[in-house]
Structure formats: C-alpha cells, structure tokens
PDB file of N, CA and C in Angstrom:
ATOM      1  N   MET A   1      94.781 -35.034 103.447  1.00  0.00           N
ATOM      2  CA  MET A   1      96.140 -34.940 103.936  1.00  0.00           C
ATOM      3  C   MET A   1      97.072 -35.659 102.971  1.00  0.00           C
ATOM      4  N   VAL A   2      98.104 -34.988 102.552  1.00  0.00           N
ATOM      5  CA  VAL A   2      99.050 -35.547 101.598  1.00  0.00           C
ATOM      6  C   VAL A   2     100.301 -35.991 102.344  1.00  0.00           C
ATOM      7  N   LEU A   3     100.700 -37.245 102.113  1.00  0.00           N
ATOM      8  CA  LEU A   3     101.919 -37.757 102.725  1.00  0.00           C
ATOM      9  C   LEU A   3     103.085 -37.511 101.786  1.00  0.00           C
ATOM     10  N   LYS A   4     104.161 -36.976 102.324  1.00  0.00           N
ATOM     11  CA  LYS A   4     105.337 -36.696 101.505  1.00  0.00           C
ATOM     12  C   LYS A   4     106.218 -37.939 101.477  1.00  0.00           C
ATOM     13  N   THR A   5     106.306 -38.550 100.320  1.00  0.00           N
ATOM     14  CA  THR A   5     107.163 -39.723 100.179  1.00  0.00           C
ATOM     15  C   THR A   5     108.519 -39.281  99.662  1.00  0.00           C
ATOM     16  N   GLU A   6     109.544 -40.023 100.060  1.00  0.00           N
ATOM     17  CA  GLU A   6     110.900 -39.761  99.585  1.00  0.00           C
ATOM     18  C   GLU A   6     111.376 -40.984  98.832  1.00  0.00           C
ATOM     19  N   LEU A   7     112.475 -40.843  98.115  1.00  0.00           N
ATOM     20  CA  LEU A   7     113.009 -41.952  97.336  1.00  0.00           C
ATOM     21  C   LEU A   7     114.264 -42.499  97.988  1.00  0.00           C
ATOM     22  N   CYS A   8     114.414 -43.811  97.907  1.00  0.00           N
ATOM     23  CA  CYS A   8     115.615 -44.480  98.394  1.00  0.00           C
ATOM     24  C   CYS A   8     116.781 -44.066  97.505  1.00  0.00           C
ATOM     25  N   ARG A   9     117.919 -43.725  98.114  1.00  0.00           N
ATOM     26  CA  ARG A   9     119.079 -43.267  97.346  1.00  0.00           C
ATOM     27  C   ARG A   9     119.738 -44.402  96.581  1.00  0.00           C
ATOM     28  N   PHE A  10     119.446 -45.651  96.945  1.00  0.00           N
ATOM     29  CA  PHE A  10     120.060 -46.783  96.257  1.00  0.00           C
ATOM     30  C   PHE A  10     119.104 -47.419  95.250  1.00  0.00           C
ATOM     31  N   SER A  11     117.926 -47.809  95.722  1.00  0.00           N
ATOM     32  CA  SER A  11     117.023 -48.570  94.855  1.00  0.00           C
ATOM     33  C   SER A  11     116.026 -47.709  94.095  1.00  0.00           C
ATOM     34  N   GLY A  12     115.754 -46.511  94.582  1.00  0.00           N
ATOM     35  CA  GLY A  12     114.768 -45.655  93.934  1.00  0.00           C
ATOM     36  C   GLY A  12     113.345 -45.955  94.363  1.00  0.00           C
ATOM     37  N   ALA A  13     113.174 -46.764  95.413  1.00  0.00           N
ATOM     38  CA  ALA A  13     111.844 -47.122  95.900  1.00  0.00           C
ATOM     39  C   ALA A  13     111.251 -45.979  96.718  1.00  0.00           C
ATOM     40  N   LYS A  14     109.907 -45.922  96.780  1.00  0.00           N
ATOM     41  CA  LYS A  14     109.234 -44.911  97.584  1.00  0.00           C
ATOM     42  C   LYS A  14     109.375 -45.266  99.059  1.00  0.00           C
ATOM     43  N   ILE A  15     109.625 -44.240  99.878  1.00  0.00           N
ATOM     44  CA  ILE A  15     109.718 -44.436 101.320  1.00  0.00           C
ATOM     45  C   ILE A  15     108.688 -43.521 101.968  1.00  0.00           C
ATOM     46  N   TYR A  16     107.762 -44.111 102.710  1.00  0.00           N
ATOM     47  CA  TYR A  16     106.710 -43.359 103.366  1.00  0.00           C
ATOM     48  C   TYR A  16     107.202 -42.821 104.706  1.00  0.00           C
ATOM     49  N   PRO A  17     106.561 -41.777 105.230  1.00  0.00           N
ATOM     50  CA  PRO A  17     107.009 -41.183 106.498  1.00  0.00           C
ATOM     51  C   PRO A  17     107.048 -42.210 107.629  1.00  0.00           C
ATOM     52  N   GLY A  18     108.121 -42.157 108.415  1.00  0.00           N
ATOM     53  CA  GLY A  18     108.289 -43.083 109.533  1.00  0.00           C
ATOM     54  C   GLY A  18     108.955 -44.380 109.145  1.00  0.00           C
ATOM     55  N   LYS A  19     109.256 -44.560 107.891  1.00  0.00           N
ATOM     56  CA  LYS A  19     109.892 -45.792 107.405  1.00  0.00           C
ATOM     57  C   LYS A  19     111.282 -45.464 106.890  1.00  0.00           C
ATOM     58  N   GLY A  20     112.072 -46.483 106.648  1.00  0.00           N
ATOM     59  CA  GLY A  20     113.383 -46.290 106.047  1.00  0.00           C
ATOM     60  C   GLY A  20     114.490 -46.071 107.067  1.00  0.00           C
ATOM     61  N   ILE A  21     115.715 -46.065 106.582  1.00  0.00           N
ATOM     62  CA  ILE A  21     116.911 -45.892 107.402  1.00  0.00           C
ATOM     63  C   ILE A  21     117.649 -44.656 106.895  1.00  0.00           C
ATOM     64  N   ARG A  22     117.950 -43.745 107.803  1.00  0.00           N
ATOM     65  CA  ARG A  22     118.649 -42.514 107.451  1.00  0.00           C
ATOM     66  C   ARG A  22     120.121 -42.652 107.840  1.00  0.00           C
ATOM     67  N   PHE A  23     121.005 -42.382 106.882  1.00  0.00           N
ATOM     68  CA  PHE A  23     122.446 -42.441 107.117  1.00  0.00           C
ATOM     69  C   PHE A  23     123.027 -41.071 106.814  1.00  0.00           C
ATOM     70  N   ILE A  24     123.784 -40.528 107.770  1.00  0.00           N
ATOM     71  CA  ILE A  24     124.400 -39.219 107.584  1.00  0.00           C
ATOM     72  C   ILE A  24     125.907 -39.404 107.562  1.00  0.00           C
ATOM     73  N   ARG A  25     126.517 -39.035 106.444  1.00  0.00           N
ATOM     74  CA  ARG A  25     127.947 -39.198 106.251  1.00  0.00           C
ATOM     75  C   ARG A  25     128.716 -38.110 107.010  1.00  0.00           C
ATOM     76  N   ALA A  26     130.023 -38.274 107.136  1.00  0.00           N
ATOM     77  CA  ALA A  26     130.864 -37.326 107.870  1.00  0.00           C
ATOM     78  C   ALA A  26     130.835 -35.928 107.253  1.00  0.00           C
ATOM     79  N   ASP A  27     130.572 -35.846 105.942  1.00  0.00           N
ATOM     80  CA  ASP A  27     130.495 -34.532 105.295  1.00  0.00           C
ATOM     81  C   ASP A  27     129.076 -33.959 105.338  1.00  0.00           C
ATOM     82  N   SER A  28     128.246 -34.477 106.232  1.00  0.00           N
ATOM     83  CA  SER A  28     126.864 -34.031 106.485  1.00  0.00           C
ATOM     84  C   SER A  28     125.907 -34.307 105.335  1.00  0.00           C
ATOM     85  N   GLN A  29     126.246 -35.215 104.446  1.00  0.00           N
ATOM     86  CA  GLN A  29     125.333 -35.578 103.369  1.00  0.00           C
ATOM     87  C   GLN A  29     124.389 -36.668 103.873  1.00  0.00           C
ATOM     88  N   VAL A  30     123.089 -36.491 103.637  1.00  0.00           N
ATOM     89  CA  VAL A  30     122.071 -37.396 104.156  1.00  0.00           C
ATOM     90  C   VAL A  30     121.662 -38.388 103.079  1.00  0.00           C
ATOM     91  N   PHE A  31     121.625 -39.670 103.439  1.00  0.00           N
ATOM     92  CA  PHE A  31     121.174 -40.735 102.558  1.00  0.00           C
ATOM     93  C   PHE A  31     120.001 -41.425 103.227  1.00  0.00           C
ATOM     94  N   LEU A  32     118.955 -41.682 102.475  1.00  0.00           N
ATOM     95  CA  LEU A  32     117.788 -42.376 102.999  1.00  0.00           C
ATOM     96  C   LEU A  32     117.630 -43.677 102.231  1.00  0.00           C
ATOM     97  N   PHE A  33     117.562 -44.786 102.963  1.00  0.00           N
ATOM     98  CA  PHE A  33     117.456 -46.104 102.354  1.00  0.00           C
ATOM     99  C   PHE A  33     116.126 -46.741 102.723  1.00  0.00           C
ATOM    100  N   ALA A  34     115.581 -47.541 101.809  1.00  0.00           N
ATOM    101  CA  ALA A  34     114.296 -48.194 102.028  1.00  0.00           C
ATOM    102  C   ALA A  34     114.408 -49.283 103.092  1.00  0.00           C
ATOM    103  N   ASN A  35     115.511 -50.032 103.082  1.00  0.00           N
ATOM    104  CA  ASN A  35     115.692 -51.124 104.041  1.00  0.00           C
ATOM    105  C   ASN A  35     117.181 -51.394 104.241  1.00  0.00           C
ATOM    106  N   SER A  36     117.481 -52.367 105.082  1.00  0.00           N
ATOM    107  CA  SER A  36     118.883 -52.662 105.395  1.00  0.00           C
ATOM    108  C   SER A  36     119.608 -53.274 104.202  1.00  0.00           C
ATOM    109  N   LYS A  37     118.863 -53.920 103.314  1.00  0.00           N
ATOM    110  CA  LYS A  37     119.465 -54.490 102.100  1.00  0.00           C
ATOM    111  C   LYS A  37     120.070 -53.378 101.239  1.00  0.00           C
ATOM    112  N   CYS A  38     119.334 -52.299 101.052  1.00  0.00           N
ATOM    113  CA  CYS A  38     119.821 -51.166 100.258  1.00  0.00           C
ATOM    114  C   CYS A  38     121.012 -50.505 100.943  1.00  0.00           C
ATOM    115  N   LYS A  39     120.929 -50.365 102.260  1.00  0.00           N
ATOM    116  CA  LYS A  39     122.014 -49.744 103.018  1.00  0.00           C
ATOM    117  C   LYS A  39     123.286 -50.576 102.923  1.00  0.00           C
ATOM    118  N   ARG A  40     123.144 -51.878 103.038  1.00  0.00           N
ATOM    119  CA  ARG A  40     124.291 -52.793 102.988  1.00  0.00           C
ATOM    120  C   ARG A  40     124.964 -52.748 101.619  1.00  0.00           C
ATOM    121  N   TYR A  41     124.174 -52.781 100.559  1.00  0.00           N
ATOM    122  CA  TYR A  41     124.731 -52.718  99.207  1.00  0.00           C
ATOM    123  C   TYR A  41     125.416 -51.375  98.948  1.00  0.00           C
ATOM    124  N   PHE A  42     124.852 -50.290  99.487  1.00  0.00           N
ATOM    125  CA  PHE A  42     125.445 -48.963  99.331  1.00  0.00           C
ATOM    126  C   PHE A  42     126.813 -48.901 100.008  1.00  0.00           C
ATOM    127  N   HIS A  43     126.903 -49.426 101.235  1.00  0.00           N
ATOM    128  CA  HIS A  43     128.166 -49.407 101.973  1.00  0.00           C
ATOM    129  C   HIS A  43     129.199 -50.347 101.359  1.00  0.00           C
ATOM    130  N   ASN A  44     128.758 -51.392 100.683  1.00  0.00           N
ATOM    131  CA  ASN A  44     129.669 -52.306  99.987  1.00  0.00           C
ATOM    132  C   ASN A  44     130.040 -51.781  98.601  1.00  0.00           C
ATOM    133  N   ARG A  45     129.572 -50.582  98.277  1.00  0.00           N
ATOM    134  CA  ARG A  45     129.869 -49.888  97.020  1.00  0.00           C
ATOM    135  C   ARG A  45     129.452 -50.669  95.778  1.00  0.00           C
ATOM    136  N   LEU A  46     128.315 -51.345  95.876  1.00  0.00           N
ATOM    137  CA  LEU A  46     127.766 -52.013  94.696  1.00  0.00           C
ATOM    138  C   LEU A  46     127.009 -50.980  93.871  1.00  0.00           C
ATOM    139  N   LYS A  47     127.061 -51.140  92.571  1.00  0.00           N
ATOM    140  CA  LYS A  47     126.380 -50.202  91.683  1.00  0.00           C
ATOM    141  C   LYS A  47     124.921 -50.620  91.523  1.00  0.00           C
ATOM    142  N   PRO A  48     123.988 -49.693  91.759  1.00  0.00           N
ATOM    143  CA  PRO A  48     122.579 -50.037  91.596  1.00  0.00           C
ATOM    144  C   PRO A  48     122.208 -50.368  90.156  1.00  0.00           C
ATOM    145  N   SER A  49     123.001 -49.911  89.204  1.00  0.00           N
ATOM    146  CA  SER A  49     122.694 -50.186  87.797  1.00  0.00           C
ATOM    147  C   SER A  49     122.976 -51.640  87.423  1.00  0.00           C
ATOM    148  N   LYS A  50     123.669 -52.379  88.294  1.00  0.00           N
ATOM    149  CA  LYS A  50     123.971 -53.777  88.003  1.00  0.00           C
ATOM    150  C   LYS A  50     123.055 -54.746  88.738  1.00  0.00           C
ATOM    151  N   LEU A  51     122.169 -54.234  89.581  1.00  0.00           N
ATOM    152  CA  LEU A  51     121.228 -55.076  90.309  1.00  0.00           C
ATOM    153  C   LEU A  51     119.860 -54.949  89.652  1.00  0.00           C
ATOM    154  N   THR A  52     119.295 -56.079  89.254  1.00  0.00           N
ATOM    155  CA  THR A  52     118.103 -56.067  88.400  1.00  0.00           C
ATOM    156  C   THR A  52     116.857 -55.499  89.066  1.00  0.00           C
ATOM    157  N   TRP A  53     116.804 -55.443  90.382  1.00  0.00           N
ATOM    158  CA  TRP A  53     115.592 -54.997  91.067  1.00  0.00           C
ATOM    159  C   TRP A  53     115.567 -53.495  91.346  1.00  0.00           C
ATOM    160  N   THR A  54     116.610 -52.770  90.998  1.00  0.00           N
ATOM    161  CA  THR A  54     116.641 -51.332  91.271  1.00  0.00           C
ATOM    162  C   THR A  54     116.028 -50.534  90.120  1.00  0.00           C
ATOM    163  N   ALA A  55     115.601 -49.324  90.443  1.00  0.00           N
ATOM    164  CA  ALA A  55     114.991 -48.450  89.434  1.00  0.00           C
ATOM    165  C   ALA A  55     116.009 -48.018  88.388  1.00  0.00           C
ATOM    166  N   MET A  56     117.261 -47.849  88.791  1.00  0.00           N
ATOM    167  CA  MET A  56     118.301 -47.420  87.853  1.00  0.00           C
ATOM    168  C   MET A  56     118.554 -48.488  86.788  1.00  0.00           C
ATOM    169  N   TYR A  57     118.569 -49.753  87.197  1.00  0.00           N
ATOM    170  CA  TYR A  57     118.753 -50.855  86.244  1.00  0.00           C
ATOM    171  C   TYR A  57     117.598 -50.880  85.251  1.00  0.00           C
ATOM    172  N   ARG A  58     116.373 -50.757  85.773  1.00  0.00           N
ATOM    173  CA  ARG A  58     115.187 -50.818  84.922  1.00  0.00           C
ATOM    174  C   ARG A  58     115.169 -49.670  83.915  1.00  0.00           C
ATOM    175  N   LYS A  59     115.645 -48.499  84.339  1.00  0.00           N
ATOM    176  CA  LYS A  59     115.677 -47.352  83.439  1.00  0.00           C
ATOM    177  C   LYS A  59     116.737 -47.531  82.355  1.00  0.00           C
ATOM    178  N   GLN A  60     117.921 -48.040  82.737  1.00  0.00           N
ATOM    179  CA  GLN A  60     119.002 -48.214  81.771  1.00  0.00           C
ATOM    180  C   GLN A  60     118.704 -49.312  80.761  1.00  0.00           C
ATOM    181  N   HIS A  61     117.963 -50.346  81.179  1.00  0.00           N
ATOM    182  CA  HIS A  61     117.667 -51.461  80.289  1.00  0.00           C
ATOM    183  C   HIS A  61     116.278 -51.360  79.663  1.00  0.00           C
ATOM    184  N   LYS A  62     115.652 -50.180  79.792  1.00  0.00           N
ATOM    185  CA  LYS A  62     114.355 -49.877  79.171  1.00  0.00           C
ATOM    186  C   LYS A  62     113.274 -50.883  79.543  1.00  0.00           C
ATOM    187  N   LYS A  63     113.202 -51.200  80.836  1.00  0.00           N
ATOM    188  CA  LYS A  63     112.196 -52.139  81.327  1.00  0.00           C
ATOM    189  C   LYS A  63     110.966 -51.419  81.867  1.00  0.00           C
ATOM    190  N   ASP A  64     111.126 -50.182  82.279  1.00  0.00           N
ATOM    191  CA  ASP A  64     110.038 -49.458  82.917  1.00  0.00           C
ATOM    192  C   ASP A  64     109.216 -48.723  81.869  1.00  0.00           C
ATOM    193  N   ILE A  65     108.272 -49.423  81.270  1.00  0.00           N
ATOM    194  CA  ILE A  65     107.478 -48.860  80.179  1.00  0.00           C
ATOM    195  C   ILE A  65     106.464 -47.849  80.703  1.00  0.00           C
ATOM    196  N   ALA A  66     105.921 -48.076  81.907  1.00  0.00           N
ATOM    197  CA  ALA A  66     104.881 -47.210  82.440  1.00  0.00           C
ATOM    198  C   ALA A  66     105.394 -45.795  82.694  1.00  0.00           C
ATOM    199  N   ALA A  67     106.647 -45.656  83.067  1.00  0.00           N
ATOM    200  CA  ALA A  67     107.193 -44.338  83.386  1.00  0.00           C
ATOM    201  C   ALA A  67     107.538 -43.531  82.139  1.00  0.00           C
ATOM    202  N   GLU A  68     107.782 -44.210  81.045  1.00  0.00           N
ATOM    203  CA  GLU A  68     108.148 -43.504  79.826  1.00  0.00           C
ATOM    204  C   GLU A  68     106.933 -42.822  79.211  1.00  0.00           C
ATOM    205  N   ALA A  69     107.131 -41.643  78.729  1.00  0.00           N
ATOM    206  CA  ALA A  69     106.055 -40.927  78.057  1.00  0.00           C
ATOM    207  C   ALA A  69     105.971 -41.425  76.620  1.00  0.00           C
ATOM    208  N   VAL A  70     104.794 -41.866  76.248  1.00  0.00           N
ATOM    209  CA  VAL A  70     104.603 -42.376  74.896  1.00  0.00           C
ATOM    210  C   VAL A  70     104.267 -41.197  73.992  1.00  0.00           C
ATOM    211  N   LYS A  71     105.073 -40.997  72.979  1.00  0.00           N
ATOM    212  CA  LYS A  71     104.837 -39.899  72.050  1.00  0.00           C
ATOM    213  C   LYS A  71     103.810 -40.323  71.009  1.00  0.00           C
ATOM    214  N   LYS A  72     102.864 -39.426  70.744  1.00  0.00           N
ATOM    215  CA  LYS A  72     101.879 -39.691  69.710  1.00  0.00           C
ATOM    216  C   LYS A  72     102.475 -39.317  68.364  1.00  0.00           C
ATOM    217  N   LYS A  73     102.187 -40.125  67.369  1.00  0.00           N
ATOM    218  CA  LYS A  73     102.672 -39.830  66.029  1.00  0.00           C
ATOM    219  C   LYS A  73     101.782 -38.756  65.416  1.00  0.00           C
ATOM    220  N   ARG A  74     102.405 -37.738  64.893  1.00  0.00           N
ATOM    221  CA  ARG A  74     101.657 -36.668  64.248  1.00  0.00           C
ATOM    222  C   ARG A  74     101.569 -36.938  62.763  1.00  0.00           C
ATOM    223  N   ARG A  75     100.382 -36.741  62.231  1.00  0.00           N
ATOM    224  CA  ARG A  75     100.174 -36.909  60.804  1.00  0.00           C
ATOM    225  C   ARG A  75     100.310 -35.547  60.144  1.00  0.00           C
ATOM    226  N   THR A  76     101.099 -35.476  59.110  1.00  0.00           N
ATOM    227  CA  THR A  76     101.267 -34.201  58.415  1.00  0.00           C
ATOM    228  C   THR A  76     100.089 -33.987  57.471  1.00  0.00           C
ATOM    229  N   ASN A  77      99.520 -32.802  57.546  1.00  0.00           N
ATOM    230  CA  ASN A  77      98.391 -32.470  56.683  1.00  0.00           C
ATOM    231  C   ASN A  77      98.910 -32.033  55.323  1.00  0.00           C
ATOM    232  N   LYS A  78      98.357 -32.639  54.278  1.00  0.00           N
ATOM    233  CA  LYS A  78      98.748 -32.258  52.927  1.00  0.00           C
ATOM    234  C   LYS A  78      97.932 -31.043  52.513  1.00  0.00           C
ATOM    235  N   LYS A  79      98.623 -30.046  52.023  1.00  0.00           N
ATOM    236  CA  LYS A  79      97.953 -28.824  51.614  1.00  0.00           C
ATOM    237  C   LYS A  79      97.394 -29.009  50.203  1.00  0.00           C
ATOM    238  N   PRO A  80      96.105 -28.694  50.018  1.00  0.00           N
ATOM    239  CA  PRO A  80      95.521 -28.839  48.678  1.00  0.00           C
ATOM    240  C   PRO A  80      96.040 -27.748  47.733  1.00  0.00           C
ATOM    241  N   TYR A  81      96.265 -28.134  46.517  1.00  0.00           N
ATOM    242  CA  TYR A  81      96.686 -27.166  45.512  1.00  0.00           C
ATOM    243  C   TYR A  81      95.987 -27.516  44.202  1.00  0.00           C
ATOM    244  N   SER A  82      95.788 -26.509  43.370  1.00  0.00           N
ATOM    245  CA  SER A  82      95.043 -26.710  42.117  1.00  0.00           C
ATOM    246  C   SER A  82      95.985 -27.228  41.037  1.00  0.00           C
ATOM    247  N   ARG A  83      95.509 -28.239  40.331  1.00  0.00           N
ATOM    248  CA  ARG A  83      96.287 -28.817  39.237  1.00  0.00           C
ATOM    249  C   ARG A  83      95.646 -28.403  37.912  1.00  0.00           C
ATOM    250  N   SER A  84      96.478 -28.168  36.979  1.00  0.00           N
ATOM    251  CA  SER A  84      95.937 -27.811  35.667  1.00  0.00           C
ATOM    252  C   SER A  84      95.547 -29.096  34.934  1.00  0.00           C
ATOM    253  N   ILE A  85      94.441 -29.010  34.203  1.00  0.00           N
ATOM    254  CA  ILE A  85      93.957 -30.166  33.461  1.00  0.00           C
ATOM    255  C   ILE A  85      94.517 -30.081  32.045  1.00  0.00           C
ATOM    256  N   VAL A  86      95.160 -31.142  31.597  1.00  0.00           N
ATOM    257  CA  VAL A  86      95.815 -31.166  30.288  1.00  0.00           C
ATOM    258  C   VAL A  86      94.748 -31.338  29.196  1.00  0.00           C
ATOM    259  N   GLY A  87      94.840 -30.532  28.184  1.00  0.00           N
ATOM    260  CA  GLY A  87      93.937 -30.652  27.043  1.00  0.00           C
ATOM    261  C   GLY A  87      92.624 -29.914  27.211  1.00  0.00           C
ATOM    262  N   ALA A  88      92.424 -29.247  28.319  1.00  0.00           N
ATOM    263  CA  ALA A  88      91.179 -28.515  28.526  1.00  0.00           C
ATOM    264  C   ALA A  88      91.331 -27.111  27.951  1.00  0.00           C
ATOM    265  N   THR A  89      90.371 -26.734  27.105  1.00  0.00           N
ATOM    266  CA  THR A  89      90.396 -25.389  26.530  1.00  0.00           C
ATOM    267  C   THR A  89      89.149 -24.648  26.958  1.00  0.00           C
ATOM    268  N   LEU A  90      89.284 -23.371  27.098  1.00  0.00           N
ATOM    269  CA  LEU A  90      88.128 -22.563  27.491  1.00  0.00           C
ATOM    270  C   LEU A  90      87.551 -21.803  26.347  1.00  0.00           C
TER     271      LEU A  90
END
C-alpha cells in the first residue's frame, strides 16, 4: 500500500495522510500546512526563502546537496590518426 504524501505550501515538508492543516482561501485556493508554525508564518506574509529551516531557503542557498543531481564528467575520446615519420624512405 502506497501512502500519498503532500508537500507543505510554506516549508516544503512532507505531510502524511491525516496530518497537517488545510486552509481554503476565499477564492477557493487550497493551502496545506505541516503545522501551525507554517500556517502562522504564511498568514503573517513572511517569505519562506528568508527562513533557514524551509526547503526554499535551502534550495536558494545551495544547502540541499542530496536533492541535486550530480553530473558525471565525460571524458572525450581522442581519435587515433596516423602520423608520418620524418626521414623514413621506402
């Protein structure tokens, strides 16, 4: 059985089924928060990019190394070619 997790709209944390706080705005937009701390900061219009514990801050300041895909360095293959030998006579 696979549990469908959702992400907090403020912090980016995983929210498991039955957890979290759901807020529905007057324009019918749904926001899901991990806890009351995230909800409070959202309503106070704080930017998640300025709080060090949020996923957005970690992404902007390149702290989340595990999530980044590490690119492998490719080595270029040198193609062999024939060189003429100087002073060789047939």
